Amino acid sequence: MSSRAITPDTTPALDPAIAARLKRGADGLVPAIAQQYDTGEVLMLGWMDDEALHRTLTTGRCTYWSRSRQEYWVKGDTSGHVQHVKSVALDCDADTLLVRVDQVGAACHTGDRTCFDADVLATEEAKDQ
């Protein structure tokens, strides 16, 4: 398991019915895809554990677990590029979250609108066209 701090019993936790459905990786994390709610644009991928998902659902702001810094971070707290949560869905395998957001500013730490526009890989089919 991970070295993340355990939520104290006095702190409200993720709904047990939701927690029971999640299929987490060995590190306790679930990938969370952030998507612009009105355009469908895929913005970024972050990681959530039960606490990050609980915070996201209850605050209306995306909270992720930073694997490199080993701490929680709320998108936009330092950059101002906030993600306002519109909905959260669990995929059919219960191992990935889709967080539909209203993104303010850039989603990528590089300053780009999305993390997926800088290095587009061409498929063989696309090359033939």
C-alpha atoms as a PDB file:
ATOM      1  CA  MET A   1       0.000   0.000   0.000  1.00  0.00           C
ATOM      2  CA  SER A   2       1.021   3.634  -0.115  1.00  0.00           C
ATOM      3  CA  SER A   3       2.475   5.895   2.532  1.00  0.00           C
ATOM      4  CA  ARG A   4      -0.386   8.385   2.372  1.00  0.00           C
ATOM      5  CA  ALA A   5      -1.787   9.584   5.684  1.00  0.00           C
ATOM      6  CA  ILE A   6      -4.908   7.795   6.853  1.00  0.00           C
ATOM      7  CA  THR A   7      -8.024   9.922   7.235  1.00  0.00           C
ATOM      8  CA  PRO A   8      -8.939  10.321  10.925  1.00  0.00           C
ATOM      9  CA  ASP A   9     -12.169   8.590  11.990  1.00  0.00           C
ATOM     10  CA  THR A  10     -13.722  11.958  12.840  1.00  0.00           C
ATOM     11  CA  THR A  11     -13.372  13.176   9.251  1.00  0.00           C
ATOM     12  CA  PRO A  12     -16.224  12.303   6.896  1.00  0.00           C
ATOM     13  CA  ALA A  13     -15.026   9.701   4.407  1.00  0.00           C
ATOM     14  CA  LEU A  14     -15.970   8.548   0.960  1.00  0.00           C
ATOM     15  CA  ASP A  15     -19.404   6.958   0.860  1.00  0.00           C
ATOM     16  CA  PRO A  16     -18.803   3.252   1.656  1.00  0.00           C
ATOM     17  CA  ALA A  17     -21.047   2.208  -1.246  1.00  0.00           C
ATOM     18  CA  ILE A  18     -18.807   4.126  -3.673  1.00  0.00           C
ATOM     19  CA  ALA A  19     -15.602   2.931  -1.990  1.00  0.00           C
ATOM     20  CA  ALA A  20     -16.735  -0.686  -2.267  1.00  0.00           C
ATOM     21  CA  ARG A  21     -17.168  -0.351  -6.030  1.00  0.00           C
ATOM     22  CA  LEU A  22     -13.748   1.171  -6.810  1.00  0.00           C
ATOM     23  CA  LYS A  23     -11.032  -1.065  -8.233  1.00  0.00           C
ATOM     24  CA  ARG A  24      -7.775   0.530  -7.184  1.00  0.00           C
ATOM     25  CA  GLY A  25      -4.234  -0.164  -8.315  1.00  0.00           C
ATOM     26  CA  ALA A  26      -1.692  -1.700  -5.934  1.00  0.00           C
ATOM     27  CA  ASP A  27      -0.876   1.852  -4.794  1.00  0.00           C
ATOM     28  CA  GLY A  28      -4.522   2.502  -3.842  1.00  0.00           C
ATOM     29  CA  LEU A  29      -5.056   4.928  -6.712  1.00  0.00           C
ATOM     30  CA  VAL A  30      -7.599   5.210  -9.513  1.00  0.00           C
ATOM     31  CA  PRO A  31      -6.904   7.149 -12.725  1.00  0.00           C
ATOM     32  CA  ALA A  32      -9.163  10.194 -13.105  1.00  0.00           C
ATOM     33  CA  ILE A  33      -9.643  11.677 -16.561  1.00  0.00           C
ATOM     34  CA  ALA A  34     -10.625  15.355 -16.543  1.00  0.00           C
ATOM     35  CA  GLN A  35     -12.852  16.339 -19.469  1.00  0.00           C
ATOM     36  CA  GLN A  36     -14.321  19.732 -20.363  1.00  0.00           C
ATOM     37  CA  TYR A  37     -18.026  19.252 -19.655  1.00  0.00           C
ATOM     38  CA  ASP A  38     -19.465  21.217 -22.597  1.00  0.00           C
ATOM     39  CA  THR A  39     -17.039  20.389 -25.416  1.00  0.00           C
ATOM     40  CA  GLY A  40     -15.868  16.881 -24.519  1.00  0.00           C
ATOM     41  CA  GLU A  41     -12.230  17.983 -24.752  1.00  0.00           C
ATOM     42  CA  VAL A  42      -9.961  15.641 -22.762  1.00  0.00           C
ATOM     43  CA  LEU A  43      -7.882  17.879 -20.514  1.00  0.00           C
ATOM     44  CA  MET A  44      -5.650  15.764 -18.308  1.00  0.00           C
ATOM     45  CA  LEU A  45      -5.183  12.590 -16.310  1.00  0.00           C
ATOM     46  CA  GLY A  46      -4.685  12.664 -12.561  1.00  0.00           C
ATOM     47  CA  TRP A  47      -4.786  10.114  -9.775  1.00  0.00           C
ATOM     48  CA  MET A  48      -7.254   9.835  -6.914  1.00  0.00           C
ATOM     49  CA  ASP A  49      -7.511   7.715  -3.820  1.00  0.00           C
ATOM     50  CA  ASP A  50     -10.629   7.515  -1.655  1.00  0.00           C
ATOM     51  CA  GLU A  51      -9.820  10.763   0.144  1.00  0.00           C
ATOM     52  CA  ALA A  52      -9.145  12.713  -3.063  1.00  0.00           C
ATOM     53  CA  LEU A  53     -12.398  11.445  -4.558  1.00  0.00           C
ATOM     54  CA  HIS A  54     -14.286  12.333  -1.377  1.00  0.00           C
ATOM     55  CA  ARG A  55     -12.853  15.866  -1.434  1.00  0.00           C
ATOM     56  CA  THR A  56     -13.679  16.215  -5.137  1.00  0.00           C
ATOM     57  CA  LEU A  57     -17.282  15.105  -4.613  1.00  0.00           C
ATOM     58  CA  THR A  58     -17.863  17.275  -1.549  1.00  0.00           C
ATOM     59  CA  THR A  59     -16.045  20.488  -2.491  1.00  0.00           C
ATOM     60  CA  GLY A  60     -16.823  20.725  -6.207  1.00  0.00           C
ATOM     61  CA  ARG A  61     -13.099  21.227  -6.937  1.00  0.00           C
ATOM     62  CA  CYS A  62     -10.826  18.507  -8.305  1.00  0.00           C
ATOM     63  CA  THR A  63      -8.437  17.103  -5.728  1.00  0.00           C
ATOM     64  CA  TYR A  64      -5.745  14.716  -6.897  1.00  0.00           C
ATOM     65  CA  TRP A  65      -2.969  12.670  -5.297  1.00  0.00           C
ATOM     66  CA  SER A  66       0.469  13.664  -6.552  1.00  0.00           C
ATOM     67  CA  ARG A  67       2.540  10.528  -6.999  1.00  0.00           C
ATOM     68  CA  SER A  68       5.751  12.553  -7.293  1.00  0.00           C
ATOM     69  CA  ARG A  69       5.174  14.850  -4.300  1.00  0.00           C
ATOM     70  CA  GLN A  70       3.247  12.278  -2.244  1.00  0.00           C
ATOM     71  CA  GLU A  71       0.566  14.792  -1.264  1.00  0.00           C
ATOM     72  CA  TYR A  72      -2.912  15.964  -2.179  1.00  0.00           C
ATOM     73  CA  TRP A  73      -3.314  18.934  -4.486  1.00  0.00           C
ATOM     74  CA  VAL A  74      -6.370  20.884  -5.508  1.00  0.00           C
ATOM     75  CA  LYS A  75      -6.227  21.845  -9.173  1.00  0.00           C
ATOM     76  CA  GLY A  76      -5.827  25.613  -9.412  1.00  0.00           C
ATOM     77  CA  ASP A  77      -4.802  26.393  -5.838  1.00  0.00           C
ATOM     78  CA  THR A  78      -1.380  27.584  -6.977  1.00  0.00           C
ATOM     79  CA  SER A  79      -1.933  28.261 -10.692  1.00  0.00           C
ATOM     80  CA  GLY A  80      -5.421  29.742 -10.609  1.00  0.00           C
ATOM     81  CA  HIS A  81      -6.406  27.226 -13.309  1.00  0.00           C
ATOM     82  CA  VAL A  82      -9.342  25.794 -11.404  1.00  0.00           C
ATOM     83  CA  GLN A  83     -11.462  22.780 -12.312  1.00  0.00           C
ATOM     84  CA  HIS A  84     -15.086  23.217 -11.235  1.00  0.00           C
ATOM     85  CA  VAL A  85     -16.667  19.756 -11.062  1.00  0.00           C
ATOM     86  CA  LYS A  86     -19.861  19.226 -13.045  1.00  0.00           C
ATOM     87  CA  SER A  87     -20.102  15.422 -12.668  1.00  0.00           C
ATOM     88  CA  VAL A  88     -18.078  12.351 -11.755  1.00  0.00           C
ATOM     89  CA  ALA A  89     -18.678   8.957 -13.376  1.00  0.00           C
ATOM     90  CA  LEU A  90     -17.179   5.536 -12.831  1.00  0.00           C
ATOM     91  CA  ASP A  91     -16.423   3.439 -15.899  1.00  0.00           C
ATOM     92  CA  CYS A  92     -17.950  -0.001 -16.511  1.00  0.00           C
ATOM     93  CA  ASP A  93     -14.968  -1.803 -14.928  1.00  0.00           C
ATOM     94  CA  ALA A  94     -14.998   0.523 -11.887  1.00  0.00           C
ATOM     95  CA  ASP A  95     -11.292   1.226 -12.362  1.00  0.00           C
ATOM     96  CA  THR A  96     -11.311   4.695 -13.957  1.00  0.00           C
ATOM     97  CA  LEU A  97     -13.079   7.943 -13.120  1.00  0.00           C
ATOM     98  CA  LEU A  98     -14.345  10.495 -15.627  1.00  0.00           C
ATOM     99  CA  VAL A  99     -14.528  13.931 -14.042  1.00  0.00           C
ATOM    100  CA  ARG A 100     -16.435  16.401 -16.189  1.00  0.00           C
ATOM    101  CA  VAL A 101     -15.288  19.899 -15.293  1.00  0.00           C
ATOM    102  CA  ASP A 102     -15.474  23.522 -16.263  1.00  0.00           C
ATOM    103  CA  GLN A 103     -11.781  24.285 -16.705  1.00  0.00           C
ATOM    104  CA  VAL A 104     -10.595  27.823 -16.004  1.00  0.00           C
ATOM    105  CA  GLY A 105      -7.379  28.467 -17.915  1.00  0.00           C
ATOM    106  CA  ALA A 106      -4.819  25.801 -18.738  1.00  0.00           C
ATOM    107  CA  ALA A 107      -5.229  22.244 -17.510  1.00  0.00           C
ATOM    108  CA  CYS A 108      -1.644  21.202 -18.217  1.00  0.00           C
ATOM    109  CA  HIS A 109       1.268  22.168 -15.966  1.00  0.00           C
ATOM    110  CA  THR A 110       3.071  23.342 -19.129  1.00  0.00           C
ATOM    111  CA  GLY A 111       0.481  26.074 -19.615  1.00  0.00           C
ATOM    112  CA  ASP A 112      -1.328  24.325 -22.463  1.00  0.00           C
ATOM    113  CA  ARG A 113      -5.098  24.045 -22.443  1.00  0.00           C
ATOM    114  CA  THR A 114      -4.861  20.238 -22.461  1.00  0.00           C
ATOM    115  CA  CYS A 115      -2.090  17.767 -21.688  1.00  0.00           C
ATOM    116  CA  PHE A 116      -2.876  15.929 -24.929  1.00  0.00           C
ATOM    117  CA  ASP A 117      -2.207  18.478 -27.683  1.00  0.00           C
ATOM    118  CA  ALA A 118       1.583  18.795 -27.761  1.00  0.00           C
ATOM    119  CA  ASP A 119       2.689  15.330 -28.902  1.00  0.00           C
ATOM    120  CA  VAL A 120       0.107  13.783 -31.216  1.00  0.00           C
ATOM    121  CA  LEU A 121       1.151  10.367 -32.515  1.00  0.00           C
ATOM    122  CA  ALA A 122      -0.002   9.473 -36.010  1.00  0.00           C
ATOM    123  CA  THR A 123      -1.552   6.078 -36.683  1.00  0.00           C
ATOM    124  CA  GLU A 124      -0.790   4.129 -39.863  1.00  0.00           C
ATOM    125  CA  GLU A 125      -4.357   4.787 -41.027  1.00  0.00           C
ATOM    126  CA  ALA A 126      -3.937   8.544 -40.566  1.00  0.00           C
ATOM    127  CA  LYS A 127      -0.646   8.478 -42.505  1.00  0.00           C
ATOM    128  CA  ASP A 128      -2.419   6.849 -45.480  1.00  0.00           C
ATOM    129  CA  GLN A 129      -4.954   9.671 -45.791  1.00  0.00           C
END
